[in-house]
Amino acid sequence: MSAQSSSPIGPVALLLVVLATDLWVYRDAATRARQGRPVEVTIGSLQIATPAAWLIGCLVLWVAVLPLYLIARRPDD
């Protein structure tokens, strides 16, 4: 029998990356909203327009919402 040691470093590192990008999305969206340049997306009846909505979206479905945020945000002028 072979003993396999399972290291939690990979999943923990991924979780830290996800949480760090979630925090960045929230702070970036809040900064842009304060500057009068909010990041907004409407898909059918779903609208994401507040920093809190972006944060919740990233927390729930990071793999889809993060790329959507990156596409929706306007580049810095």
N, C-alpha and C. Protein backbone atom coordinates (compact mmCIF):
# COMPACT_ATOMS: atom_id res chain seq x y z
N MET A 1 0.83 -1.17 0.00
CA MET A 1 0.00 0.00 0.00
C MET A 1 0.88 1.24 0.00
N SER A 2 0.45 2.20 -0.74
CA SER A 2 1.22 3.45 -0.77
C SER A 2 0.43 4.53 -0.04
N ALA A 3 1.16 5.27 0.75
CA ALA A 3 0.53 6.36 1.50
C ALA A 3 0.64 7.64 0.70
N GLN A 4 -0.46 8.27 0.48
CA GLN A 4 -0.47 9.54 -0.24
C GLN A 4 -0.71 10.66 0.75
N SER A 5 0.18 11.63 0.71
CA SER A 5 -0.05 12.77 1.59
C SER A 5 -0.72 13.86 0.78
N SER A 6 -1.80 14.29 1.26
CA SER A 6 -2.58 15.32 0.58
C SER A 6 -2.26 16.67 1.20
N SER A 7 -1.72 17.56 0.38
CA SER A 7 -1.35 18.88 0.86
C SER A 7 -2.46 19.88 0.57
N PRO A 8 -2.87 20.63 1.57
CA PRO A 8 -3.95 21.60 1.37
C PRO A 8 -3.45 22.91 0.75
N ILE A 9 -2.18 22.99 0.38
CA ILE A 9 -1.63 24.24 -0.12
C ILE A 9 -2.31 24.68 -1.41
N GLY A 10 -2.56 23.77 -2.33
CA GLY A 10 -3.19 24.12 -3.61
C GLY A 10 -4.58 24.73 -3.43
N PRO A 11 -5.50 24.03 -2.75
CA PRO A 11 -6.84 24.59 -2.56
C PRO A 11 -6.83 25.88 -1.73
N VAL A 12 -5.96 25.96 -0.74
CA VAL A 12 -5.89 27.17 0.09
C VAL A 12 -5.38 28.34 -0.75
N ALA A 13 -4.38 28.10 -1.59
CA ALA A 13 -3.85 29.14 -2.46
C ALA A 13 -4.92 29.63 -3.43
N LEU A 14 -5.68 28.70 -4.00
CA LEU A 14 -6.76 29.07 -4.91
C LEU A 14 -7.82 29.90 -4.19
N LEU A 15 -8.18 29.49 -2.98
CA LEU A 15 -9.16 30.24 -2.20
C LEU A 15 -8.66 31.65 -1.92
N LEU A 16 -7.39 31.80 -1.59
CA LEU A 16 -6.82 33.12 -1.33
C LEU A 16 -6.83 33.99 -2.58
N VAL A 17 -6.56 33.40 -3.74
CA VAL A 17 -6.61 34.15 -5.00
C VAL A 17 -8.03 34.61 -5.28
N VAL A 18 -8.99 33.73 -5.09
CA VAL A 18 -10.40 34.08 -5.32
C VAL A 18 -10.82 35.20 -4.38
N LEU A 19 -10.51 35.08 -3.10
CA LEU A 19 -10.90 36.12 -2.15
C LEU A 19 -10.20 37.44 -2.43
N ALA A 20 -8.94 37.40 -2.83
CA ALA A 20 -8.21 38.63 -3.15
C ALA A 20 -8.81 39.31 -4.37
N THR A 21 -9.17 38.55 -5.39
CA THR A 21 -9.79 39.17 -6.57
C THR A 21 -11.19 39.68 -6.25
N ASP A 22 -11.92 39.00 -5.37
CA ASP A 22 -13.23 39.49 -4.95
C ASP A 22 -13.11 40.84 -4.26
N LEU A 23 -12.12 40.95 -3.37
CA LEU A 23 -11.89 42.21 -2.68
C LEU A 23 -11.48 43.31 -3.67
N TRP A 24 -10.63 42.97 -4.62
CA TRP A 24 -10.21 43.94 -5.63
C TRP A 24 -11.41 44.42 -6.45
N VAL A 25 -12.27 43.49 -6.88
CA VAL A 25 -13.46 43.87 -7.65
C VAL A 25 -14.32 44.84 -6.86
N TYR A 26 -14.55 44.55 -5.58
CA TYR A 26 -15.37 45.43 -4.75
C TYR A 26 -14.74 46.82 -4.64
N ARG A 27 -13.46 46.87 -4.33
CA ARG A 27 -12.79 48.17 -4.16
C ARG A 27 -12.73 48.94 -5.46
N ASP A 28 -12.46 48.26 -6.57
CA ASP A 28 -12.40 48.93 -7.87
C ASP A 28 -13.78 49.45 -8.27
N ALA A 29 -14.82 48.64 -8.07
CA ALA A 29 -16.18 49.06 -8.40
C ALA A 29 -16.61 50.24 -7.53
N ALA A 30 -16.25 50.22 -6.25
CA ALA A 30 -16.60 51.31 -5.35
C ALA A 30 -15.88 52.60 -5.74
N THR A 31 -14.61 52.49 -6.08
CA THR A 31 -13.84 53.67 -6.52
C THR A 31 -14.44 54.26 -7.78
N ARG A 32 -14.75 53.42 -8.73
CA ARG A 32 -15.33 53.90 -9.99
C ARG A 32 -16.71 54.51 -9.76
N ALA A 33 -17.49 53.95 -8.86
CA ALA A 33 -18.81 54.51 -8.56
C ALA A 33 -18.67 55.90 -7.94
N ARG A 34 -17.72 56.07 -7.01
CA ARG A 34 -17.48 57.38 -6.40
C ARG A 34 -17.02 58.41 -7.42
N GLN A 35 -16.31 57.97 -8.44
CA GLN A 35 -15.81 58.86 -9.47
C GLN A 35 -16.85 59.14 -10.56
N GLY A 36 -18.04 58.57 -10.41
CA GLY A 36 -19.09 58.76 -11.41
C GLY A 36 -18.95 57.88 -12.63
N ARG A 37 -18.16 56.83 -12.53
CA ARG A 37 -17.96 55.89 -13.64
C ARG A 37 -18.31 54.47 -13.18
N PRO A 38 -19.56 54.22 -12.78
CA PRO A 38 -19.90 52.89 -12.26
C PRO A 38 -19.78 51.80 -13.32
N VAL A 39 -19.48 50.61 -12.85
CA VAL A 39 -19.42 49.44 -13.73
C VAL A 39 -20.79 48.79 -13.68
N GLU A 40 -21.47 48.76 -14.82
CA GLU A 40 -22.84 48.23 -14.87
C GLU A 40 -22.98 47.24 -16.00
N VAL A 41 -23.75 46.20 -15.75
CA VAL A 41 -24.05 45.19 -16.76
C VAL A 41 -25.51 44.81 -16.62
N THR A 42 -26.20 44.70 -17.75
CA THR A 42 -27.57 44.21 -17.76
C THR A 42 -27.64 43.04 -18.74
N ILE A 43 -28.08 41.91 -18.22
CA ILE A 43 -28.26 40.71 -19.04
C ILE A 43 -29.70 40.27 -18.84
N GLY A 44 -30.54 40.54 -19.82
CA GLY A 44 -31.96 40.25 -19.67
C GLY A 44 -32.52 41.09 -18.54
N SER A 45 -33.12 40.44 -17.55
CA SER A 45 -33.67 41.18 -16.41
C SER A 45 -32.68 41.28 -15.24
N LEU A 46 -31.51 40.70 -15.40
CA LEU A 46 -30.47 40.75 -14.36
C LEU A 46 -29.61 41.99 -14.57
N GLN A 47 -29.50 42.80 -13.52
CA GLN A 47 -28.66 43.98 -13.59
C GLN A 47 -27.66 43.95 -12.44
N ILE A 48 -26.40 44.13 -12.77
CA ILE A 48 -25.34 44.24 -11.75
C ILE A 48 -24.81 45.65 -11.87
N ALA A 49 -25.05 46.48 -10.83
CA ALA A 49 -24.70 47.88 -10.96
C ALA A 49 -24.05 48.47 -9.72
N THR A 50 -23.98 47.73 -8.63
CA THR A 50 -23.39 48.28 -7.41
C THR A 50 -22.16 47.47 -7.01
N PRO A 51 -21.25 48.08 -6.27
CA PRO A 51 -20.10 47.31 -5.81
C PRO A 51 -20.50 46.07 -4.99
N ALA A 52 -21.54 46.20 -4.17
CA ALA A 52 -22.00 45.06 -3.38
C ALA A 52 -22.52 43.93 -4.28
N ALA A 53 -23.22 44.29 -5.34
CA ALA A 53 -23.74 43.27 -6.27
C ALA A 53 -22.58 42.57 -6.98
N TRP A 54 -21.56 43.33 -7.35
CA TRP A 54 -20.38 42.71 -7.97
C TRP A 54 -19.68 41.76 -7.00
N LEU A 55 -19.56 42.19 -5.75
CA LEU A 55 -18.91 41.34 -4.74
C LEU A 55 -19.69 40.05 -4.54
N ILE A 56 -20.99 40.16 -4.37
CA ILE A 56 -21.82 38.96 -4.16
C ILE A 56 -21.74 38.04 -5.37
N GLY A 57 -21.80 38.64 -6.55
CA GLY A 57 -21.69 37.83 -7.77
C GLY A 57 -20.38 37.09 -7.83
N CYS A 58 -19.29 37.78 -7.48
CA CYS A 58 -17.98 37.12 -7.50
C CYS A 58 -17.88 36.04 -6.43
N LEU A 59 -18.45 36.29 -5.27
CA LEU A 59 -18.40 35.28 -4.21
C LEU A 59 -19.19 34.03 -4.60
N VAL A 60 -20.31 34.22 -5.28
CA VAL A 60 -21.19 33.10 -5.63
C VAL A 60 -20.71 32.37 -6.89
N LEU A 61 -20.33 33.13 -7.91
CA LEU A 61 -19.99 32.52 -9.20
C LEU A 61 -18.77 33.20 -9.80
N TRP A 62 -17.64 33.10 -9.10
CA TRP A 62 -16.41 33.80 -9.45
C TRP A 62 -15.97 33.53 -10.88
N VAL A 63 -16.04 32.29 -11.31
CA VAL A 63 -15.51 31.90 -12.62
C VAL A 63 -16.24 32.60 -13.77
N ALA A 64 -17.47 33.02 -13.58
CA ALA A 64 -18.21 33.72 -14.63
C ALA A 64 -18.25 35.23 -14.40
N VAL A 65 -18.38 35.66 -13.15
CA VAL A 65 -18.58 37.08 -12.86
C VAL A 65 -17.29 37.88 -12.96
N LEU A 66 -16.16 37.31 -12.57
CA LEU A 66 -14.90 38.05 -12.69
C LEU A 66 -14.60 38.41 -14.14
N PRO A 67 -14.66 37.48 -15.08
CA PRO A 67 -14.43 37.89 -16.48
C PRO A 67 -15.46 38.91 -16.97
N LEU A 68 -16.71 38.77 -16.53
CA LEU A 68 -17.74 39.74 -16.91
C LEU A 68 -17.39 41.13 -16.39
N TYR A 69 -16.90 41.21 -15.16
CA TYR A 69 -16.49 42.49 -14.60
C TYR A 69 -15.34 43.09 -15.39
N LEU A 70 -14.37 42.27 -15.72
CA LEU A 70 -13.21 42.77 -16.45
C LEU A 70 -13.60 43.29 -17.83
N ILE A 71 -14.58 42.67 -18.44
CA ILE A 71 -15.07 43.14 -19.74
C ILE A 71 -15.89 44.41 -19.60
N ALA A 72 -16.70 44.48 -18.54
CA ALA A 72 -17.65 45.60 -18.37
C ALA A 72 -16.97 46.88 -17.89
N ARG A 73 -15.87 46.77 -17.17
CA ARG A 73 -15.25 47.98 -16.64
C ARG A 73 -14.59 48.75 -17.78
N ARG A 74 -14.79 50.04 -17.72
CA ARG A 74 -14.17 50.89 -18.73
C ARG A 74 -12.70 51.09 -18.37
N PRO A 75 -11.86 51.16 -19.37
CA PRO A 75 -10.45 51.42 -19.04
C PRO A 75 -10.29 52.81 -18.44
N ASP A 76 -9.24 52.96 -17.63
CA ASP A 76 -8.97 54.27 -17.04
C ASP A 76 -8.71 55.28 -18.14
N ASP A 77 -9.24 56.45 -17.94
CA ASP A 77 -9.05 57.54 -18.93
C ASP A 77 -7.74 58.24 -18.72
